[in-house]
Amino acid sequence: MPDDTAPATQLTPAHADAIEIFAEVLAQSEEEGLGDDFYSRLCEGITRCTALRRVVIFRYDSARRRILAAGSFGVDLALFAGDFFTLESAALARQALEEDRVLEIAEDLERQLPAEYVARLQARTVVCSPMSARGRWLGAILGDRGDDGPPLTASEREVLWILGKMAALAAMARAATRQHERAMALEQRIDLAREVHEGVVQRLFGVSLALSGDQPFDEETRRRCAEEVQLALGDLRTAMQRPLGRSAAATKTTLAEEIARLRHEYPELGIALEGDDGVLAAPAALEPLAQSVLAEAIRNAHKHAEASRVGVRTEMNDGTFVLEVTNDGVKGDSEPAGMGLRLAGFEALQAGGLLEFGAREGDRWQVRLVVPYEES
């Protein structure tokens, strides 16, 4: 199988097929505005040039901090909703990534893949192609060729390997785009600080020098000081209209799905839903903020307390959304507040809300988010 250090080789039909399929998938997704459908279209393309009949692409989602089924063909993607796949439970994927080659197995499937995956697909032969680039593991392509399908040829394995590399590069490009957006946001904040310093601070500094003198003010000096103060207030008002805190990252998951992920990640915390209906929900516009605060509150409880139970409650009433996360096991008199909660407070302020956190009666600690929203 080719590797990243191999010398350049002559373009083969397998290379041409892989490049053509990938280019077609990219073009269709861009023309139809279906960026989210990219991986499913790639799965379909794989079935056109190989003996595989069903294909699923799993990739690591940094925003949700978990491995997700990103696309599929020949099998309903909803079958994998809510599942938590790890490399520890998928020895086949780990081996393919470590060895950077396409693997095909027909025995001991239950030991090589999550049992629920094997049971749902009822596959007898599974093929796995790594999605990696420059030493980074980004996902894996899994497929099966049916009961009567022929084994993959060397050419088909090469196509799968190349498409895995291309899919990994596409994922890295998306990550680079997100990093660029964050860099732009940081640059805007630096520009804001510079504007406040060069405008407001300098004007007020000049006024302070004038006021510190021993000589009495004449009418012209008093008028000039008043004008400078008014201009400084105007500059400050303009600057304050910009977002001052970080924005919660956009998300396609829901608060209920996030609580399921956190239960799986922190089983020892005893995360439970509180309230009359036991339903966790948030307005669509506030989903990113609510999930960010929820995840930070859970991490805070895990890191700073010896919690045995974490209660989560939401409320939407009269145009106000409330999220409360309460844990027990507070250690002594210390306040388990990390920097993450303080930064989350800036996110809440940017959304026009308020984030409160602190010790409560007994050994409890509570994080409470209150944000106004429009019913429409």
Protein backbone atom coordinates (compact mmCIF):
# COMPACT_ATOMS: atom_id res chain seq x y z
CA MET A 1 0.00 0.00 0.00
CA PRO A 2 1.38 3.47 -0.80
CA ASP A 3 2.74 5.59 2.02
CA ASP A 4 3.46 9.28 2.52
CA THR A 5 7.22 8.82 1.99
CA ALA A 6 7.03 6.74 -1.20
CA PRO A 7 8.48 8.31 -4.36
CA ALA A 8 6.14 9.57 -7.05
CA THR A 9 4.73 6.81 -9.26
CA GLN A 10 3.02 6.77 -12.59
CA LEU A 11 -0.70 7.61 -12.56
CA THR A 12 -2.70 4.39 -12.74
CA PRO A 13 -6.38 3.81 -13.60
CA ALA A 14 -7.01 3.33 -9.87
CA HIS A 15 -5.59 6.79 -9.16
CA ALA A 16 -7.67 8.32 -11.93
CA ASP A 17 -10.87 6.64 -10.66
CA ALA A 18 -10.30 7.89 -7.12
CA ILE A 19 -9.55 11.45 -8.22
CA GLU A 20 -12.56 11.52 -10.54
CA ILE A 21 -14.94 10.24 -7.85
CA PHE A 22 -13.64 12.71 -5.26
CA ALA A 23 -13.87 15.64 -7.68
CA GLU A 24 -17.42 14.64 -8.61
CA VAL A 25 -18.49 14.44 -4.96
CA LEU A 26 -16.99 17.85 -4.20
CA ALA A 27 -18.61 19.43 -7.24
CA GLN A 28 -22.07 18.03 -6.47
CA SER A 29 -21.94 19.06 -2.83
CA GLU A 30 -20.84 22.60 -3.72
CA GLU A 31 -23.32 23.10 -6.57
CA GLU A 32 -26.32 21.85 -4.60
CA GLY A 33 -25.29 23.42 -1.30
CA LEU A 34 -25.19 20.03 0.38
CA GLY A 35 -21.95 20.27 2.33
CA ASP A 36 -23.35 18.04 5.06
CA ASP A 37 -24.07 15.35 2.46
CA PHE A 38 -20.45 15.14 1.36
CA TYR A 39 -19.56 11.92 3.19
CA SER A 40 -22.72 10.09 2.10
CA ARG A 41 -22.00 11.00 -1.52
CA LEU A 42 -18.46 9.75 -1.05
CA CYS A 43 -19.83 6.45 0.27
CA GLU A 44 -21.98 6.14 -2.84
CA GLY A 45 -18.97 6.82 -5.04
CA ILE A 46 -17.02 4.07 -3.29
CA THR A 47 -19.71 1.51 -4.13
CA ARG A 48 -19.48 2.50 -7.81
CA CYS A 49 -15.80 1.68 -8.14
CA THR A 50 -15.43 -1.26 -5.74
CA ALA A 51 -17.23 -4.49 -4.86
CA LEU A 52 -18.55 -2.94 -1.64
CA ARG A 53 -22.34 -2.71 -1.39
CA ARG A 54 -22.73 -0.89 1.94
CA VAL A 55 -20.36 1.78 3.23
CA VAL A 56 -20.25 3.90 6.40
CA ILE A 57 -17.73 6.66 7.11
CA PHE A 58 -16.86 7.34 10.75
CA ARG A 59 -14.92 10.47 11.62
CA TYR A 60 -13.86 12.32 14.75
CA ASP A 61 -15.94 15.44 15.40
CA SER A 62 -13.89 17.88 17.50
CA ALA A 63 -16.92 20.07 18.23
CA ARG A 64 -18.81 17.17 19.83
CA ARG A 65 -15.64 15.43 21.03
CA ARG A 66 -16.72 12.04 19.80
CA ILE A 67 -16.56 9.67 16.82
CA LEU A 68 -19.64 9.99 14.62
CA ALA A 69 -21.10 8.20 11.64
CA ALA A 70 -20.70 11.04 9.14
CA GLY A 71 -22.13 9.41 6.01
CA SER A 72 -23.42 6.14 4.62
CA PHE A 73 -24.73 4.39 1.53
CA GLY A 74 -26.77 1.19 1.45
CA VAL A 75 -27.54 1.45 5.16
CA ASP A 76 -29.62 3.94 7.12
CA LEU A 77 -27.38 6.45 8.91
CA ALA A 78 -30.01 6.72 11.66
CA LEU A 79 -28.98 3.24 12.84
CA PHE A 80 -25.86 4.79 14.33
CA ALA A 81 -27.50 7.81 15.98
CA GLY A 82 -26.62 8.09 19.64
CA ASP A 83 -23.88 5.44 19.49
CA PHE A 84 -20.48 6.02 21.04
CA PHE A 85 -17.73 4.42 18.99
CA THR A 86 -14.14 4.38 20.18
CA LEU A 87 -10.92 2.95 18.82
CA GLU A 88 -10.80 0.71 21.88
CA SER A 89 -14.02 -1.00 20.74
CA ALA A 90 -12.99 -1.12 17.07
CA ALA A 91 -9.69 -2.98 16.90
CA LEU A 92 -10.00 -3.28 13.11
CA ALA A 93 -10.09 0.50 12.65
CA ARG A 94 -7.15 1.00 15.01
CA GLN A 95 -5.07 -1.57 13.13
CA ALA A 96 -5.92 0.00 9.77
CA LEU A 97 -4.90 3.43 11.05
CA GLU A 98 -1.72 2.19 12.71
CA GLU A 99 -0.60 0.25 9.62
CA ASP A 100 -2.05 2.80 7.19
CA ARG A 101 -3.50 0.17 4.87
CA VAL A 102 -6.83 -1.31 3.82
CA LEU A 103 -7.86 -4.42 5.81
CA GLU A 104 -10.48 -7.04 5.00
CA ILE A 105 -11.64 -9.59 7.59
CA ALA A 106 -14.25 -12.36 7.59
CA GLU A 107 -13.65 -13.96 11.00
CA ASP A 108 -13.97 -12.83 14.61
CA LEU A 109 -15.97 -9.75 13.65
CA GLU A 110 -17.37 -9.37 17.17
CA ARG A 111 -13.84 -8.93 18.52
CA GLN A 112 -12.76 -6.54 15.80
CA LEU A 113 -15.77 -4.19 15.81
CA PRO A 114 -18.44 -2.98 18.27
CA ALA A 115 -20.96 -5.78 18.79
CA GLU A 116 -23.91 -3.52 18.00
CA TYR A 117 -22.37 -2.60 14.64
CA VAL A 118 -21.99 -6.25 13.63
CA ALA A 119 -25.49 -7.15 14.86
CA ARG A 120 -27.21 -4.33 12.98
CA LEU A 121 -25.46 -4.85 9.68
CA GLN A 122 -25.30 -8.66 9.89
CA ALA A 123 -22.12 -8.44 7.85
CA ARG A 124 -19.91 -11.46 7.27
CA THR A 125 -17.01 -9.66 5.65
CA VAL A 126 -15.90 -6.14 6.57
CA VAL A 127 -13.43 -3.87 4.83
CA CYS A 128 -11.77 -0.96 6.65
CA SER A 129 -9.79 1.87 5.04
CA PRO A 130 -7.98 4.46 7.20
CA MET A 131 -8.69 8.19 7.03
CA SER A 132 -5.37 9.72 8.04
CA ALA A 133 -3.05 12.43 6.82
CA ARG A 134 0.33 13.62 8.06
CA GLY A 135 0.15 11.31 11.07
CA ARG A 136 -3.31 12.46 12.18
CA TRP A 137 -6.07 9.89 12.59
CA LEU A 138 -9.31 11.47 11.41
CA GLY A 139 -11.64 8.52 10.85
CA ALA A 140 -12.20 5.29 8.97
CA ILE A 141 -14.22 3.94 6.04
CA LEU A 142 -16.06 0.69 6.83
CA GLY A 143 -17.95 -1.39 4.28
CA ASP A 144 -19.03 -4.89 3.37
CA ARG A 145 -19.42 -6.61 0.00
CA GLY A 146 -22.38 -8.84 0.85
CA ASP A 147 -22.49 -12.61 1.12
CA ASP A 148 -21.71 -13.33 -2.52
CA GLY A 149 -19.43 -10.41 -3.37
CA PRO A 150 -15.89 -11.16 -4.54
CA PRO A 151 -12.87 -10.17 -2.41
CA LEU A 152 -11.45 -6.72 -3.12
CA THR A 153 -8.81 -6.56 -5.81
CA ALA A 154 -5.49 -4.77 -5.39
CA SER A 155 -6.81 -1.94 -7.57
CA GLU A 156 -9.95 -1.57 -5.42
CA ARG A 157 -7.86 -1.49 -2.25
CA GLU A 158 -5.74 1.26 -3.76
CA VAL A 159 -8.82 3.29 -4.67
CA LEU A 160 -10.13 2.92 -1.10
CA TRP A 161 -6.78 3.95 0.37
CA ILE A 162 -6.57 7.03 -1.87
CA LEU A 163 -10.15 8.08 -1.10
CA GLY A 164 -9.43 7.70 2.62
CA LYS A 165 -6.48 10.05 2.24
CA MET A 166 -8.56 12.55 0.29
CA ALA A 167 -11.39 12.44 2.83
CA ALA A 168 -8.85 13.05 5.60
CA LEU A 169 -7.43 16.04 3.74
CA ALA A 170 -10.95 17.42 3.27
CA ALA A 171 -11.57 17.10 7.02
CA MET A 172 -8.27 18.86 7.75
CA ALA A 173 -9.20 21.65 5.34
CA ARG A 174 -12.47 22.19 7.20
CA ALA A 175 -10.59 22.28 10.50
CA ALA A 176 -8.16 24.83 9.04
CA THR A 177 -11.11 26.98 7.98
CA ARG A 178 -12.49 26.93 11.52
CA GLN A 179 -9.07 27.86 12.91
CA HIS A 180 -8.91 30.77 10.46
CA GLU A 181 -12.31 31.97 11.65
CA ARG A 182 -11.13 31.85 15.26
CA ALA A 183 -7.97 33.75 14.29
CA MET A 184 -10.12 36.40 12.62
CA ALA A 185 -12.22 36.71 15.79
CA LEU A 186 -9.06 37.15 17.87
CA GLU A 187 -7.80 39.80 15.46
CA GLN A 188 -11.09 41.68 15.81
CA ARG A 189 -10.73 41.68 19.59
CA ILE A 190 -7.16 42.97 19.33
CA ASP A 191 -8.38 45.73 17.01
CA LEU A 192 -11.07 46.58 19.56
CA ALA A 193 -8.50 46.88 22.36
CA ARG A 194 -6.27 49.04 20.17
CA GLU A 195 -9.22 51.28 19.23
CA VAL A 196 -10.21 51.79 22.87
CA HIS A 197 -6.61 52.56 23.83
CA GLU A 198 -5.90 54.98 20.99
CA GLY A 199 -9.27 56.71 21.18
CA VAL A 200 -10.90 56.60 24.60
CA VAL A 201 -7.82 56.18 26.80
CA GLN A 202 -5.79 58.86 25.03
CA ARG A 203 -8.63 61.39 25.17
CA LEU A 204 -9.24 60.77 28.87
CA PHE A 205 -5.51 60.93 29.55
CA GLY A 206 -5.39 64.39 27.97
CA VAL A 207 -8.36 65.53 30.06
CA SER A 208 -6.72 64.20 33.24
CA LEU A 209 -3.56 66.22 32.51
CA ALA A 210 -5.63 69.36 32.07
CA LEU A 211 -7.52 68.77 35.31
CA SER A 212 -4.36 68.08 37.32
CA GLY A 213 -3.00 71.63 36.84
CA ASP A 214 -3.01 74.24 39.61
CA GLN A 215 -4.22 77.08 37.41
CA PRO A 216 -7.96 77.91 37.35
CA PHE A 217 -9.85 76.92 34.19
CA ASP A 218 -11.04 79.49 31.75
CA GLU A 219 -14.23 78.98 29.76
CA GLU A 220 -12.38 77.70 26.68
CA THR A 221 -10.47 75.01 28.64
CA ARG A 222 -13.63 73.86 30.43
CA ARG A 223 -15.48 73.61 27.13
CA ARG A 224 -12.62 71.72 25.50
CA CYS A 225 -12.48 69.19 28.38
CA ALA A 226 -16.22 68.62 28.17
CA GLU A 227 -15.99 68.01 24.42
CA GLU A 228 -13.15 65.50 24.87
CA VAL A 229 -15.09 63.61 27.54
CA GLN A 230 -18.17 63.47 25.30
CA LEU A 231 -16.10 62.23 22.36
CA ALA A 232 -14.50 59.59 24.59
CA LEU A 233 -17.94 58.43 25.74
CA GLY A 234 -19.09 58.22 22.14
CA ASP A 235 -16.05 56.16 21.14
CA LEU A 236 -16.55 53.87 24.12
CA ARG A 237 -20.24 53.41 23.37
CA THR A 238 -19.42 52.44 19.79
CA ALA A 239 -16.76 49.97 20.94
CA MET A 240 -19.07 48.40 23.51
CA GLN A 241 -21.61 47.57 20.83
CA ARG A 242 -19.23 44.95 19.48
CA PRO A 243 -19.27 41.40 20.94
CA LEU A 244 -16.85 41.41 23.88
CA GLY A 245 -16.84 37.72 24.69
CA ARG A 246 -16.21 34.56 22.79
CA SER A 247 -19.09 33.06 20.84
CA ALA A 248 -20.26 29.53 21.46
CA ALA A 249 -19.32 27.27 18.57
CA ALA A 250 -22.14 26.38 16.20
CA THR A 251 -23.59 22.93 16.75
CA LYS A 252 -25.85 20.48 14.93
CA THR A 253 -26.58 18.37 17.97
CA THR A 254 -29.19 18.99 20.67
CA LEU A 255 -29.01 19.50 24.40
CA ALA A 256 -30.50 16.04 24.95
CA GLU A 257 -27.85 14.45 22.72
CA GLU A 258 -25.12 16.34 24.55
CA ILE A 259 -26.34 15.06 27.93
CA ALA A 260 -26.22 11.53 26.51
CA ARG A 261 -22.62 12.06 25.43
CA LEU A 262 -21.65 13.47 28.81
CA ARG A 263 -23.31 10.54 30.61
CA HIS A 264 -21.19 8.20 28.54
CA GLU A 265 -18.01 10.23 29.15
CA TYR A 266 -18.57 10.68 32.91
CA PRO A 267 -20.57 7.64 34.11
CA GLU A 268 -19.31 8.08 37.68
CA LEU A 269 -21.05 11.47 38.07
CA GLY A 270 -24.60 10.06 38.06
CA ILE A 271 -25.93 12.72 35.68
CA ALA A 272 -29.74 12.87 35.99
CA LEU A 273 -32.52 15.04 34.57
CA GLU A 274 -34.59 17.00 37.07
CA GLY A 275 -37.99 18.59 36.70
CA ASP A 276 -41.56 17.43 36.30
CA ASP A 277 -41.28 16.07 32.76
CA GLY A 278 -37.63 15.05 32.81
CA VAL A 279 -37.11 16.59 29.36
CA LEU A 280 -34.03 18.56 28.42
CA ALA A 281 -34.64 21.22 25.76
CA ALA A 282 -33.43 24.64 24.67
CA PRO A 283 -34.50 27.18 22.03
CA ALA A 284 -32.74 26.47 18.74
CA ALA A 285 -30.92 29.82 18.78
CA LEU A 286 -29.53 29.09 22.27
CA GLU A 287 -28.47 25.48 21.66
CA PRO A 288 -24.74 26.31 21.19
CA LEU A 289 -24.62 28.42 24.35
CA ALA A 290 -26.63 25.93 26.44
CA GLN A 291 -24.48 23.01 25.34
CA SER A 292 -21.28 24.95 26.00
CA VAL A 293 -22.39 25.88 29.54
CA LEU A 294 -23.65 22.34 30.23
CA ALA A 295 -20.37 20.72 29.13
CA GLU A 296 -18.31 23.20 31.13
CA ALA A 297 -20.43 22.70 34.26
CA ILE A 298 -20.05 18.92 34.00
CA ARG A 299 -16.28 19.17 33.47
CA ASN A 300 -16.08 21.55 36.42
CA ALA A 301 -17.91 19.06 38.65
CA HIS A 302 -15.63 16.25 37.49
CA LYS A 303 -12.45 18.24 38.03
CA HIS A 304 -13.14 20.24 41.19
CA ALA A 305 -15.57 18.10 43.19
CA GLU A 306 -16.07 14.53 44.35
CA ALA A 307 -19.56 14.42 42.87
CA SER A 308 -21.76 11.34 43.02
CA ARG A 309 -24.78 13.03 41.45
CA VAL A 310 -25.24 15.88 38.99
CA GLY A 311 -28.76 17.18 38.39
CA VAL A 312 -29.62 19.01 35.16
CA ARG A 313 -32.81 21.02 34.71
CA THR A 314 -34.13 23.34 32.00
CA GLU A 315 -37.06 25.74 31.98
CA MET A 316 -38.59 27.91 29.27
CA ASN A 317 -41.16 30.38 30.53
CA ASP A 318 -42.26 33.89 29.54
CA GLY A 319 -39.47 34.34 27.03
CA THR A 320 -36.71 33.25 29.42
CA PHE A 321 -34.58 30.13 29.16
CA VAL A 322 -33.04 28.70 32.34
CA LEU A 323 -30.45 25.94 32.60
CA GLU A 324 -29.39 24.69 36.04
CA VAL A 325 -26.63 22.17 36.73
CA THR A 326 -26.21 21.18 40.39
CA ASN A 327 -23.67 18.74 41.79
CA ASP A 328 -22.79 17.46 45.23
CA GLY A 329 -19.38 16.55 46.62
CA VAL A 330 -17.91 20.04 46.98
CA LYS A 331 -14.47 19.71 48.58
CA GLY A 332 -14.23 21.62 51.85
CA ASP A 333 -14.63 25.38 51.76
CA SER A 334 -12.99 25.87 48.38
CA GLU A 335 -15.06 27.15 45.50
CA PRO A 336 -14.70 24.77 42.52
CA ALA A 337 -14.79 27.43 39.82
CA GLY A 338 -12.48 26.99 36.85
CA MET A 339 -11.52 29.46 34.16
CA GLY A 340 -13.89 27.69 31.78
CA LEU A 341 -16.94 28.83 33.75
CA ARG A 342 -15.69 32.40 33.78
CA LEU A 343 -15.24 32.34 30.01
CA ALA A 344 -18.71 30.80 29.64
CA GLY A 345 -19.99 33.82 31.53
CA PHE A 346 -18.77 36.05 28.68
CA GLU A 347 -20.67 33.86 26.20
CA ALA A 348 -23.84 34.37 28.25
CA LEU A 349 -23.33 38.14 28.38
CA GLN A 350 -22.89 38.26 24.62
CA ALA A 351 -26.27 36.53 24.25
CA GLY A 352 -27.85 39.07 26.61
CA GLY A 353 -28.01 36.58 29.49
CA LEU A 354 -26.37 35.90 32.81
CA LEU A 355 -24.35 32.97 34.18
CA GLU A 356 -24.26 32.47 37.95
CA PHE A 357 -22.22 29.84 39.78
CA GLY A 358 -21.31 29.21 43.38
CA ALA A 359 -21.73 27.06 46.47
CA ARG A 360 -25.19 26.21 47.67
CA GLU A 361 -26.63 24.70 50.84
CA GLY A 362 -24.72 21.66 52.09
CA ASP A 363 -22.00 20.34 49.83
CA ARG A 364 -23.67 21.41 46.59
CA TRP A 365 -22.46 23.63 43.77
CA GLN A 366 -24.75 25.14 41.15
CA VAL A 367 -24.27 26.65 37.70
CA ARG A 368 -27.31 28.66 36.52
CA LEU A 369 -27.75 30.15 33.05
CA VAL A 370 -30.59 32.63 32.43
CA VAL A 371 -31.07 34.01 28.91
CA PRO A 372 -34.01 35.90 27.34
CA TYR A 373 -35.24 34.67 23.97
CA GLU A 374 -38.02 35.42 21.51
CA GLU A 375 -40.87 32.91 21.42
CA SER A 376 -41.11 33.23 17.64
